[in-house]
PDB file of N, CA and C in Angstrom:
ATOM      1  N   MET A   1      73.672  13.387 -31.169  1.00  0.00           N
ATOM      2  CA  MET A   1      74.058  14.970 -29.697  1.00  0.00           C
ATOM      3  C   MET A   1      73.686  15.886 -29.814  1.00  0.00           C
ATOM      4  N   LYS A   2      73.356  17.037 -31.157  1.00  0.00           N
ATOM      5  CA  LYS A   2      73.432  18.287 -30.569  1.00  0.00           C
ATOM      6  C   LYS A   2      71.626  18.740 -30.849  1.00  0.00           C
ATOM      7  N   LYS A   3      70.803  17.422 -31.041  1.00  0.00           N
ATOM      8  CA  LYS A   3      69.559  17.543 -30.768  1.00  0.00           C
ATOM      9  C   LYS A   3      69.366  17.100 -29.176  1.00  0.00           C
ATOM     10  N   LEU A   4      70.344  16.276 -28.469  1.00  0.00           N
ATOM     11  CA  LEU A   4      69.933  16.121 -27.126  1.00  0.00           C
ATOM     12  C   LEU A   4      70.597  17.334 -26.072  1.00  0.00           C
ATOM     13  N   LEU A   5      71.946  18.337 -26.558  1.00  0.00           N
ATOM     14  CA  LEU A   5      72.077  19.212 -25.924  1.00  0.00           C
ATOM     15  C   LEU A   5      71.590  20.523 -26.257  1.00  0.00           C
ATOM     16  N   LEU A   6      70.659  20.613 -27.211  1.00  0.00           N
ATOM     17  CA  LEU A   6      69.824  21.718 -27.691  1.00  0.00           C
ATOM     18  C   LEU A   6      68.545  21.846 -26.936  1.00  0.00           C
ATOM     19  N   THR A   7      68.095  20.012 -26.575  1.00  0.00           N
ATOM     20  CA  THR A   7      67.049  19.975 -26.014  1.00  0.00           C
ATOM     21  C   THR A   7      66.941  20.086 -24.442  1.00  0.00           C
ATOM     22  N   ILE A   8      68.309  20.163 -23.895  1.00  0.00           N
ATOM     23  CA  ILE A   8      68.434  20.424 -22.022  1.00  0.00           C
ATOM     24  C   ILE A   8      68.232  21.862 -22.370  1.00  0.00           C
ATOM     25  N   PHE A   9      69.332  22.162 -23.140  1.00  0.00           N
ATOM     26  CA  PHE A   9      69.445  23.941 -22.772  1.00  0.00           C
ATOM     27  C   PHE A   9      68.044  24.448 -23.021  1.00  0.00           C
ATOM     28  N   PHE A  10      67.013  23.835 -23.937  1.00  0.00           N
ATOM     29  CA  PHE A  10      65.670  24.579 -24.001  1.00  0.00           C
ATOM     30  C   PHE A  10      64.926  24.081 -22.635  1.00  0.00           C
ATOM     31  N   LEU A  11      65.062  22.975 -21.971  1.00  0.00           N
ATOM     32  CA  LEU A  11      64.393  22.474 -20.718  1.00  0.00           C
ATOM     33  C   LEU A  11      64.820  23.747 -19.918  1.00  0.00           C
ATOM     34  N   SER A  12      66.286  24.001 -19.889  1.00  0.00           N
ATOM     35  CA  SER A  12      66.982  24.874 -18.543  1.00  0.00           C
ATOM     36  C   SER A  12      65.747  25.965 -18.962  1.00  0.00           C
ATOM     37  N   ILE A  13      66.229  26.965 -19.614  1.00  0.00           N
ATOM     38  CA  ILE A  13      65.480  27.504 -20.413  1.00  0.00           C
ATOM     39  C   ILE A  13      64.265  28.005 -19.599  1.00  0.00           C
ATOM     40  N   SER A  14      63.231  26.292 -19.569  1.00  0.00           N
ATOM     41  CA  SER A  14      61.845  27.027 -19.958  1.00  0.00           C
ATOM     42  C   SER A  14      61.303  26.583 -18.288  1.00  0.00           C
ATOM     43  N   SER A  15      62.071  26.206 -17.605  1.00  0.00           N
ATOM     44  CA  SER A  15      62.254  25.731 -16.018  1.00  0.00           C
ATOM     45  C   SER A  15      62.095  27.243 -15.640  1.00  0.00           C
ATOM     46  N   HIS A  16      62.947  27.657 -16.348  1.00  0.00           N
ATOM     47  CA  HIS A  16      63.025  29.219 -15.607  1.00  0.00           C
ATOM     48  C   HIS A  16      62.219  30.306 -15.832  1.00  0.00           C
ATOM     49  N   ALA A  17      61.366  30.360 -16.992  1.00  0.00           N
ATOM     50  CA  ALA A  17      60.397  31.146 -17.577  1.00  0.00           C
ATOM     51  C   ALA A  17      59.644  31.855 -16.659  1.00  0.00           C
ATOM     52  N   PHE A  18      59.234  31.566 -15.446  1.00  0.00           N
ATOM     53  CA  PHE A  18      58.774  32.333 -14.841  1.00  0.00           C
ATOM     54  C   PHE A  18      59.411  33.050 -13.493  1.00  0.00           C
ATOM     55  N   ALA A  19      59.491  34.373 -13.473  1.00  0.00           N
ATOM     56  CA  ALA A  19      60.219  34.671 -12.173  1.00  0.00           C
ATOM     57  C   ALA A  19      59.583  34.284 -10.954  1.00  0.00           C
ATOM     58  N   LYS A  20      60.628  33.450  -9.789  1.00  0.00           N
ATOM     59  CA  LYS A  20      60.700  33.160  -8.596  1.00  0.00           C
ATOM     60  C   LYS A  20      60.192  34.710  -7.829  1.00  0.00           C
ATOM     61  N   ILE A  21      60.094  35.594  -7.969  1.00  0.00           N
ATOM     62  CA  ILE A  21      58.715  36.568  -7.645  1.00  0.00           C
ATOM     63  C   ILE A  21      58.694  37.681  -8.431  1.00  0.00           C
ATOM     64  N   GLU A  22      57.327  38.143  -7.957  1.00  0.00           N
ATOM     65  CA  GLU A  22      56.610  39.148  -9.158  1.00  0.00           C
ATOM     66  C   GLU A  22      55.649  39.226  -8.570  1.00  0.00           C
ATOM     67  N   LYS A  23      55.421  40.960  -8.595  1.00  0.00           N
ATOM     68  CA  LYS A  23      54.531  42.279  -7.734  1.00  0.00           C
ATOM     69  C   LYS A  23      53.475  42.387  -9.194  1.00  0.00           C
ATOM     70  N   TRP A  24      52.253  41.733  -8.253  1.00  0.00           N
ATOM     71  CA  TRP A  24      51.575  42.408  -9.563  1.00  0.00           C
ATOM     72  C   TRP A  24      50.328  43.306  -8.948  1.00  0.00           C
ATOM     73  N   GLU A  25      49.670  43.954 -10.341  1.00  0.00           N
ATOM     74  CA  GLU A  25      48.185  44.286  -9.795  1.00  0.00           C
ATOM     75  C   GLU A  25      47.040  43.876 -10.017  1.00  0.00           C
ATOM     76  N   CYS A  26      46.045  43.939  -9.475  1.00  0.00           N
ATOM     77  CA  CYS A  26      44.945  43.168  -9.900  1.00  0.00           C
ATOM     78  C   CYS A  26      43.866  44.219 -10.448  1.00  0.00           C
ATOM     79  N   TYR A  27      42.838  44.111 -11.178  1.00  0.00           N
ATOM     80  CA  TYR A  27      41.936  44.859 -11.522  1.00  0.00           C
ATOM     81  C   TYR A  27      40.827  43.804 -11.351  1.00  0.00           C
ATOM     82  N   ALA A  28      39.539  44.676 -11.689  1.00  0.00           N
ATOM     83  CA  ALA A  28      38.284  43.549 -11.459  1.00  0.00           C
ATOM     84  C   ALA A  28      37.838  43.460 -12.983  1.00  0.00           C
ATOM     85  N   PRO A  29      37.222  42.269 -13.837  1.00  0.00           N
ATOM     86  CA  PRO A  29      36.992  42.313 -15.506  1.00  0.00           C
ATOM     87  C   PRO A  29      36.048  43.672 -15.818  1.00  0.00           C
ATOM     88  N   LYS A  30      36.792  44.089 -17.232  1.00  0.00           N
ATOM     89  CA  LYS A  30      35.781  45.525 -17.513  1.00  0.00           C
ATOM     90  C   LYS A  30      34.134  45.021 -17.515  1.00  0.00           C
ATOM     91  N   ASN A  31      33.818  43.850 -17.284  1.00  0.00           N
ATOM     92  CA  ASN A  31      32.632  43.559 -17.429  1.00  0.00           C
ATOM     93  C   ASN A  31      31.492  44.553 -16.136  1.00  0.00           C
ATOM     94  N   THR A  32      32.197  44.221 -15.047  1.00  0.00           N
ATOM     95  CA  THR A  32      31.962  44.382 -13.701  1.00  0.00           C
ATOM     96  C   THR A  32      31.090  46.804 -13.447  1.00  0.00           C
ATOM     97  N   SER A  33      31.934  47.031 -13.972  1.00  0.00           N
ATOM     98  CA  SER A  33      31.476  48.246 -13.819  1.00  0.00           C
ATOM     99  C   SER A  33      33.065  48.825 -15.061  1.00  0.00           C
ATOM    100  N   LYS A  34      32.473  50.344 -15.792  1.00  0.00           N
ATOM    101  CA  LYS A  34      32.989  51.218 -16.507  1.00  0.00           C
ATOM    102  C   LYS A  34      34.324  51.720 -16.055  1.00  0.00           C
ATOM    103  N   PHE A  35      34.674  51.661 -14.424  1.00  0.00           N
ATOM    104  CA  PHE A  35      35.669  51.829 -14.065  1.00  0.00           C
ATOM    105  C   PHE A  35      36.785  50.901 -13.930  1.00  0.00           C
ATOM    106  N   ALA A  36      36.479  49.501 -14.048  1.00  0.00           N
ATOM    107  CA  ALA A  36      36.760  48.199 -13.116  1.00  0.00           C
ATOM    108  C   ALA A  36      38.240  48.089 -13.952  1.00  0.00           C
ATOM    109  N   ASP A  37      38.084  48.623 -15.084  1.00  0.00           N
ATOM    110  CA  ASP A  37      39.925  47.942 -15.428  1.00  0.00           C
ATOM    111  C   ASP A  37      40.895  49.102 -15.546  1.00  0.00           C
ATOM    112  N   LYS A  38      40.766  50.180 -14.931  1.00  0.00           N
ATOM    113  CA  LYS A  38      41.544  51.251 -14.770  1.00  0.00           C
ATOM    114  C   LYS A  38      41.726  50.778 -12.678  1.00  0.00           C
ATOM    115  N   THR A  39      40.741  50.611 -11.816  1.00  0.00           N
ATOM    116  CA  THR A  39      40.816  50.594 -11.043  1.00  0.00           C
ATOM    117  C   THR A  39      42.263  49.653  -9.869  1.00  0.00           C
ATOM    118  N   VAL A  40      42.659  49.371  -9.790  1.00  0.00           N
ATOM    119  CA  VAL A  40      43.399  48.676  -9.094  1.00  0.00           C
ATOM    120  C   VAL A  40      42.998  48.192  -7.594  1.00  0.00           C
ATOM    121  N   VAL A  41      42.478  46.903  -7.106  1.00  0.00           N
ATOM    122  CA  VAL A  41      41.632  46.279  -6.319  1.00  0.00           C
ATOM    123  C   VAL A  41      42.779  45.693  -5.298  1.00  0.00           C
ATOM    124  N   GLY A  42      44.147  44.975  -6.214  1.00  0.00           N
ATOM    125  CA  GLY A  42      44.931  44.634  -5.138  1.00  0.00           C
ATOM    126  C   GLY A  42      46.243  44.989  -5.571  1.00  0.00           C
ATOM    127  N   THR A  43      47.577  44.545  -4.330  1.00  0.00           N
ATOM    128  CA  THR A  43      48.708  44.702  -5.419  1.00  0.00           C
ATOM    129  C   THR A  43      49.105  43.321  -4.357  1.00  0.00           C
ATOM    130  N   TYR A  44      50.459  42.294  -5.094  1.00  0.00           N
ATOM    131  CA  TYR A  44      50.603  41.632  -4.435  1.00  0.00           C
ATOM    132  C   TYR A  44      51.825  41.248  -4.344  1.00  0.00           C
ATOM    133  N   LYS A  45      52.845  40.624  -4.423  1.00  0.00           N
ATOM    134  CA  LYS A  45      54.058  40.038  -3.463  1.00  0.00           C
ATOM    135  C   LYS A  45      54.036  38.340  -3.897  1.00  0.00           C
ATOM    136  N   LEU A  46      54.457  38.047  -5.183  1.00  0.00           N
ATOM    137  CA  LEU A  46      54.358  36.198  -5.310  1.00  0.00           C
ATOM    138  C   LEU A  46      55.829  35.789  -5.484  1.00  0.00           C
ATOM    139  N   ASP A  47      55.587  34.633  -5.240  1.00  0.00           N
ATOM    140  CA  ASP A  47      57.443  33.759  -4.263  1.00  0.00           C
ATOM    141  C   ASP A  47      57.049  32.642  -4.639  1.00  0.00           C
ATOM    142  N   THR A  48      57.401  32.102  -5.784  1.00  0.00           N
ATOM    143  CA  THR A  48      56.970  30.647  -6.183  1.00  0.00           C
ATOM    144  C   THR A  48      58.109  29.908  -5.328  1.00  0.00           C
ATOM    145  N   ASP A  49      59.612  30.675  -5.069  1.00  0.00           N
ATOM    146  CA  ASP A  49      60.971  29.840  -4.116  1.00  0.00           C
ATOM    147  C   ASP A  49      60.498  29.331  -2.939  1.00  0.00           C
ATOM    148  N   ASN A  50      59.802  30.660  -1.571  1.00  0.00           N
ATOM    149  CA  ASN A  50      59.152  30.151  -1.031  1.00  0.00           C
ATOM    150  C   ASN A  50      58.023  30.455  -0.880  1.00  0.00           C
ATOM    151  N   GLU A  51      57.196  29.741  -1.546  1.00  0.00           N
ATOM    152  CA  GLU A  51      55.569  29.640  -1.474  1.00  0.00           C
ATOM    153  C   GLU A  51      54.732  30.856  -0.439  1.00  0.00           C
ATOM    154  N   THR A  52      54.751  32.017  -0.894  1.00  0.00           N
ATOM    155  CA  THR A  52      54.700  32.834   0.059  1.00  0.00           C
ATOM    156  C   THR A  52      53.200  33.689  -0.773  1.00  0.00           C
ATOM    157  N   VAL A  53      52.863  34.455  -0.548  1.00  0.00           N
ATOM    158  CA  VAL A  53      51.679  35.461  -1.372  1.00  0.00           C
ATOM    159  C   VAL A  53      51.933  36.524  -0.515  1.00  0.00           C
ATOM    160  N   ALA A  54      51.431  38.088  -0.524  1.00  0.00           N
ATOM    161  CA  ALA A  54      51.659  39.219   0.443  1.00  0.00           C
ATOM    162  C   ALA A  54      51.086  39.976  -0.522  1.00  0.00           C
ATOM    163  N   TYR A  55      50.292  40.743   0.285  1.00  0.00           N
ATOM    164  CA  TYR A  55      49.566  41.657  -0.508  1.00  0.00           C
ATOM    165  C   TYR A  55      49.729  42.851  -0.022  1.00  0.00           C
ATOM    166  N   LEU A  56      49.781  43.869  -0.430  1.00  0.00           N
ATOM    167  CA  LEU A  56      49.851  45.712  -0.383  1.00  0.00           C
ATOM    168  C   LEU A  56      49.178  46.013   0.749  1.00  0.00           C
ATOM    169  N   SER A  57      49.244  46.614   2.155  1.00  0.00           N
ATOM    170  CA  SER A  57      48.248  47.191   2.939  1.00  0.00           C
ATOM    171  C   SER A  57      49.488  48.681   3.946  1.00  0.00           C
ATOM    172  N   ASN A  58      48.492  49.902   2.902  1.00  0.00           N
ATOM    173  CA  ASN A  58      49.280  50.751   3.654  1.00  0.00           C
ATOM    174  C   ASN A  58      50.563  51.097   3.734  1.00  0.00           C
ATOM    175  N   ARG A  59      51.141  50.849   2.259  1.00  0.00           N
ATOM    176  CA  ARG A  59      52.548  51.124   2.036  1.00  0.00           C
ATOM    177  C   ARG A  59      53.352  49.396   2.895  1.00  0.00           C
ATOM    178  N   ASN A  60      52.719  48.582   3.288  1.00  0.00           N
ATOM    179  CA  ASN A  60      53.362  47.006   3.897  1.00  0.00           C
ATOM    180  C   ASN A  60      52.935  46.118   3.691  1.00  0.00           C
ATOM    181  N   TRP A  61      53.800  44.790   3.359  1.00  0.00           N
ATOM    182  CA  TRP A  61      53.550  44.207   2.826  1.00  0.00           C
ATOM    183  C   TRP A  61      52.862  43.137   4.004  1.00  0.00           C
ATOM    184  N   LYS A  62      51.618  42.339   3.897  1.00  0.00           N
ATOM    185  CA  LYS A  62      51.338  41.683   4.659  1.00  0.00           C
ATOM    186  C   LYS A  62      50.955  40.409   4.027  1.00  0.00           C
ATOM    187  N   TYR A  63      51.449  39.349   5.128  1.00  0.00           N
ATOM    188  CA  TYR A  63      51.588  37.903   3.994  1.00  0.00           C
ATOM    189  C   TYR A  63      50.352  36.603   4.636  1.00  0.00           C
ATOM    190  N   TYR A  64      50.251  36.184   3.551  1.00  0.00           N
ATOM    191  CA  TYR A  64      49.498  35.124   3.994  1.00  0.00           C
ATOM    192  C   TYR A  64      49.478  33.991   4.622  1.00  0.00           C
ATOM    193  N   ASP A  65      51.109  33.707   4.648  1.00  0.00           N
ATOM    194  CA  ASP A  65      51.538  32.296   4.900  1.00  0.00           C
ATOM    195  C   ASP A  65      51.106  32.173   6.381  1.00  0.00           C
ATOM    196  N   SER A  66      50.988  33.557   6.776  1.00  0.00           N
ATOM    197  CA  SER A  66      50.948  33.144   8.755  1.00  0.00           C
ATOM    198  C   SER A  66      49.403  32.548   9.009  1.00  0.00           C
ATOM    199  N   CYS A  67      48.738  32.651   8.309  1.00  0.00           N
ATOM    200  CA  CYS A  67      47.615  31.997   8.300  1.00  0.00           C
ATOM    201  C   CYS A  67      46.706  30.968   7.576  1.00  0.00           C
ATOM    202  N   CYS A  68      47.671  30.592   6.315  1.00  0.00           N
ATOM    203  CA  CYS A  68      47.291  29.762   5.579  1.00  0.00           C
ATOM    204  C   CYS A  68      48.514  28.773   4.719  1.00  0.00           C
ATOM    205  N   ASP A  69      48.020  27.802   4.524  1.00  0.00           N
ATOM    206  CA  ASP A  69      49.110  26.603   3.860  1.00  0.00           C
ATOM    207  C   ASP A  69      49.668  26.985   2.322  1.00  0.00           C
ATOM    208  N   ILE A  70      50.121  27.620   1.813  1.00  0.00           N
ATOM    209  CA  ILE A  70      50.570  27.952   0.289  1.00  0.00           C
ATOM    210  C   ILE A  70      50.578  27.197  -0.827  1.00  0.00           C
ATOM    211  N   THR A  71      50.235  27.018  -1.715  1.00  0.00           N
ATOM    212  CA  THR A  71      51.505  25.112  -2.204  1.00  0.00           C
ATOM    213  C   THR A  71      51.752  26.105  -3.327  1.00  0.00           C
ATOM    214  N   PHE A  72      52.656  26.272  -4.237  1.00  0.00           N
ATOM    215  CA  PHE A  72      52.610  26.376  -5.275  1.00  0.00           C
ATOM    216  C   PHE A  72      52.854  25.047  -6.480  1.00  0.00           C
ATOM    217  N   ASP A  73      51.969  24.997  -6.975  1.00  0.00           N
ATOM    218  CA  ASP A  73      52.133  23.984  -9.054  1.00  0.00           C
ATOM    219  C   ASP A  73      53.263  24.352  -9.544  1.00  0.00           C
ATOM    220  N   LYS A  74      53.896  23.745  -9.657  1.00  0.00           N
ATOM    221  CA  LYS A  74      54.924  24.250 -10.827  1.00  0.00           C
ATOM    222  C   LYS A  74      54.588  23.709 -12.074  1.00  0.00           C
ATOM    223  N   GLU A  75      54.365  22.659 -11.926  1.00  0.00           N
ATOM    224  CA  GLU A  75      53.034  21.968 -13.433  1.00  0.00           C
ATOM    225  C   GLU A  75      52.544  22.924 -13.842  1.00  0.00           C
ATOM    226  N   LYS A  76      51.234  23.275 -13.266  1.00  0.00           N
ATOM    227  CA  LYS A  76      50.099  24.421 -13.852  1.00  0.00           C
ATOM    228  C   LYS A  76      51.030  25.751 -13.288  1.00  0.00           C
ATOM    229  N   GLN A  77      51.658  26.185 -13.332  1.00  0.00           N
ATOM    230  CA  GLN A  77      52.542  27.650 -12.515  1.00  0.00           C
ATOM    231  C   GLN A  77      50.960  28.338 -11.844  1.00  0.00           C
ATOM    232  N   PHE A  78      50.623  27.545 -10.719  1.00  0.00           N
ATOM    233  CA  PHE A  78      49.793  28.194 -10.026  1.00  0.00           C
ATOM    234  C   PHE A  78      50.528  28.382  -8.456  1.00  0.00           C
ATOM    235  N   LEU A  79      49.850  29.436  -7.347  1.00  0.00           N
ATOM    236  CA  LEU A  79      50.650  29.927  -6.279  1.00  0.00           C
ATOM    237  C   LEU A  79      48.683  30.033  -5.689  1.00  0.00           C
ATOM    238  N   TYR A  80      48.427  28.723  -5.038  1.00  0.00           N
ATOM    239  CA  TYR A  80      47.323  28.683  -4.449  1.00  0.00           C
ATOM    240  C   TYR A  80      46.918  28.991  -2.917  1.00  0.00           C
ATOM    241  N   PHE A  81      46.055  28.752  -2.080  1.00  0.00           N
ATOM    242  CA  PHE A  81      45.330  28.482  -0.317  1.00  0.00           C
ATOM    243  C   PHE A  81      44.332  28.840  -0.683  1.00  0.00           C
ATOM    244  N   SER A  82      43.519  28.805   0.820  1.00  0.00           N
ATOM    245  CA  SER A  82      42.004  28.905   0.874  1.00  0.00           C
ATOM    246  C   SER A  82      42.279  29.711   2.077  1.00  0.00           C
ATOM    247  N   PHE A  83      41.259  30.754   2.281  1.00  0.00           N
ATOM    248  CA  PHE A  83      41.297  31.572   3.225  1.00  0.00           C
ATOM    249  C   PHE A  83      40.197  32.364   3.216  1.00  0.00           C
ATOM    250  N   VAL A  84      39.686  32.684   4.519  1.00  0.00           N
ATOM    251  CA  VAL A  84      38.430  32.598   4.640  1.00  0.00           C
ATOM    252  C   VAL A  84      37.409  32.194   4.462  1.00  0.00           C
ATOM    253  N   GLY A  85      37.217  30.730   3.998  1.00  0.00           N
ATOM    254  CA  GLY A  85      36.461  29.637   3.370  1.00  0.00           C
ATOM    255  C   GLY A  85      36.619  30.062   1.682  1.00  0.00           C
ATOM    256  N   PHE A  86      37.384  30.874   1.394  1.00  0.00           N
ATOM    257  CA  PHE A  86      36.987  30.852  -0.162  1.00  0.00           C
ATOM    258  C   PHE A  86      38.614  30.443  -0.825  1.00  0.00           C
ATOM    259  N   ASP A  87      38.986  29.961  -2.139  1.00  0.00           N
ATOM    260  CA  ASP A  87      40.069  29.392  -2.777  1.00  0.00           C
ATOM    261  C   ASP A  87      40.794  30.266  -3.540  1.00  0.00           C
ATOM    262  N   HIS A  88      42.269  30.954  -3.048  1.00  0.00           N
ATOM    263  CA  HIS A  88      42.826  31.897  -3.833  1.00  0.00           C
ATOM    264  C   HIS A  88      44.041  30.945  -4.650  1.00  0.00           C
ATOM    265  N   ILE A  89      43.687  31.832  -6.255  1.00  0.00           N
ATOM    266  CA  ILE A  89      44.346  30.844  -7.087  1.00  0.00           C
ATOM    267  C   ILE A  89      45.264  31.771  -7.890  1.00  0.00           C
ATOM    268  N   PHE A  90      46.574  31.993  -7.977  1.00  0.00           N
ATOM    269  CA  PHE A  90      47.296  33.153  -8.669  1.00  0.00           C
ATOM    270  C   PHE A  90      48.022  32.364  -9.812  1.00  0.00           C
ATOM    271  N   ASP A  91      47.217  32.421 -11.224  1.00  0.00           N
ATOM    272  CA  ASP A  91      48.002  32.147 -12.651  1.00  0.00           C
ATOM    273  C   ASP A  91      48.802  32.481 -12.900  1.00  0.00           C
ATOM    274  N   LEU A  92      50.270  32.235 -12.267  1.00  0.00           N
ATOM    275  CA  LEU A  92      51.942  32.773 -13.419  1.00  0.00           C
ATOM    276  C   LEU A  92      51.580  32.742 -14.472  1.00  0.00           C
ATOM    277  N   ALA A  93      50.778  32.225 -15.517  1.00  0.00           N
ATOM    278  CA  ALA A  93      51.108  31.783 -16.746  1.00  0.00           C
ATOM    279  C   ALA A  93      50.319  33.038 -17.851  1.00  0.00           C
ATOM    280  N   SER A  94      48.392  33.287 -17.181  1.00  0.00           N
ATOM    281  CA  SER A  94      48.020  33.744 -18.128  1.00  0.00           C
ATOM    282  C   SER A  94      47.915  35.006 -17.187  1.00  0.00           C
ATOM    283  N   LYS A  95      48.666  35.402 -15.417  1.00  0.00           N
ATOM    284  CA  LYS A  95      48.538  36.307 -14.876  1.00  0.00           C
ATOM    285  C   LYS A  95      46.825  37.226 -14.504  1.00  0.00           C
ATOM    286  N   GLU A  96      46.250  36.087 -13.956  1.00  0.00           N
ATOM    287  CA  GLU A  96      45.088  36.085 -13.114  1.00  0.00           C
ATOM    288  C   GLU A  96      44.564  35.477 -11.855  1.00  0.00           C
ATOM    289  N   ARG A  97      44.538  36.189 -11.224  1.00  0.00           N
ATOM    290  CA  ARG A  97      43.882  36.030 -10.106  1.00  0.00           C
ATOM    291  C   ARG A  97      42.358  35.130 -10.093  1.00  0.00           C
ATOM    292  N   PHE A  98      42.198  34.016  -9.288  1.00  0.00           N
ATOM    293  CA  PHE A  98      40.767  33.897  -8.908  1.00  0.00           C
ATOM    294  C   PHE A  98      40.654  33.937  -7.402  1.00  0.00           C
ATOM    295  N   VAL A  99      39.593  34.609  -7.098  1.00  0.00           N
ATOM    296  CA  VAL A  99      38.738  33.900  -5.674  1.00  0.00           C
ATOM    297  C   VAL A  99      37.406  33.314  -6.130  1.00  0.00           C
ATOM    298  N   SER A 100      37.414  32.221  -5.531  1.00  0.00           N
ATOM    299  CA  SER A 100      36.241  30.625  -5.873  1.00  0.00           C
ATOM    300  C   SER A 100      36.246  31.251  -7.241  1.00  0.00           C
ATOM    301  N   ASN A 101      35.024  31.671  -7.741  1.00  0.00           N
ATOM    302  CA  ASN A 101      34.729  31.698  -9.480  1.00  0.00           C
ATOM    303  C   ASN A 101      34.707  33.330  -9.632  1.00  0.00           C
ATOM    304  N   PHE A 102      35.480  34.257  -8.480  1.00  0.00           N
ATOM    305  CA  PHE A 102      35.689  35.368  -9.159  1.00  0.00           C
ATOM    306  C   PHE A 102      37.334  35.933  -9.706  1.00  0.00           C
ATOM    307  N   LYS A 103      37.090  36.357 -11.148  1.00  0.00           N
ATOM    308  CA  LYS A 103      38.694  36.561 -12.197  1.00  0.00           C
ATOM    309  C   LYS A 103      39.133  37.315 -11.311  1.00  0.00           C
ATOM    310  N   TYR A 104      40.226  37.729 -11.214  1.00  0.00           N
ATOM    311  CA  TYR A 104      40.850  39.472 -11.786  1.00  0.00           C
ATOM    312  C   TYR A 104      41.807  39.268 -12.551  1.00  0.00           C
ATOM    313  N   LEU A 105      41.798  40.642 -13.387  1.00  0.00           N
ATOM    314  CA  LEU A 105      42.836  40.463 -14.371  1.00  0.00           C
ATOM    315  C   LEU A 105      44.073  41.290 -13.722  1.00  0.00           C
ATOM    316  N   CYS A 106      45.354  40.696 -13.778  1.00  0.00           N
ATOM    317  CA  CYS A 106      46.843  41.036 -13.627  1.00  0.00           C
ATOM    318  C   CYS A 106      47.820  41.363 -14.510  1.00  0.00           C
ATOM    319  N   LYS A 107      48.471  42.231 -13.848  1.00  0.00           N
ATOM    320  CA  LYS A 107      49.871  42.754 -14.762  1.00  0.00           C
ATOM    321  C   LYS A 107      50.968  42.847 -13.752  1.00  0.00           C
ATOM    322  N   VAL A 108      52.251  42.520 -14.345  1.00  0.00           N
ATOM    323  CA  VAL A 108      53.259  42.448 -13.383  1.00  0.00           C
ATOM    324  C   VAL A 108      54.066  44.259 -13.375  1.00  0.00           C
ATOM    325  N   ILE A 109      54.547  44.274 -12.078  1.00  0.00           N
ATOM    326  CA  ILE A 109      54.619  45.582 -11.757  1.00  0.00           C
ATOM    327  C   ILE A 109      56.061  45.559 -11.448  1.00  0.00           C
ATOM    328  N   ASN A 110      56.872  46.457 -11.426  1.00  0.00           N
ATOM    329  CA  ASN A 110      58.246  46.728 -10.967  1.00  0.00           C
ATOM    330  C   ASN A 110      58.816  45.735 -11.463  1.00  0.00           C
TER     331      ASN A 110
END
């Protein structure tokens, strides 16, 4: 009985291990230039509950969901959508953003 309760407890914690809303700063990988890992190439707000992705533009959040169908894959911990012919994937586990085959390294802010 104790093992069952312990298992249920850990499952309840693990299902909420990832924040429902995260803000990210993303950088180009170091191998693209010597300044790449210090220059922010995008700031994003990710919401897994509402399946929305926004980017910061002139101090305002602009939402991709007005143009795209955004999907949250709970098992893989991905938010993803297609925009202007490119697949966009936000990997919540590794904190990486992929645009087609290009990878951005990101960190959670605020």
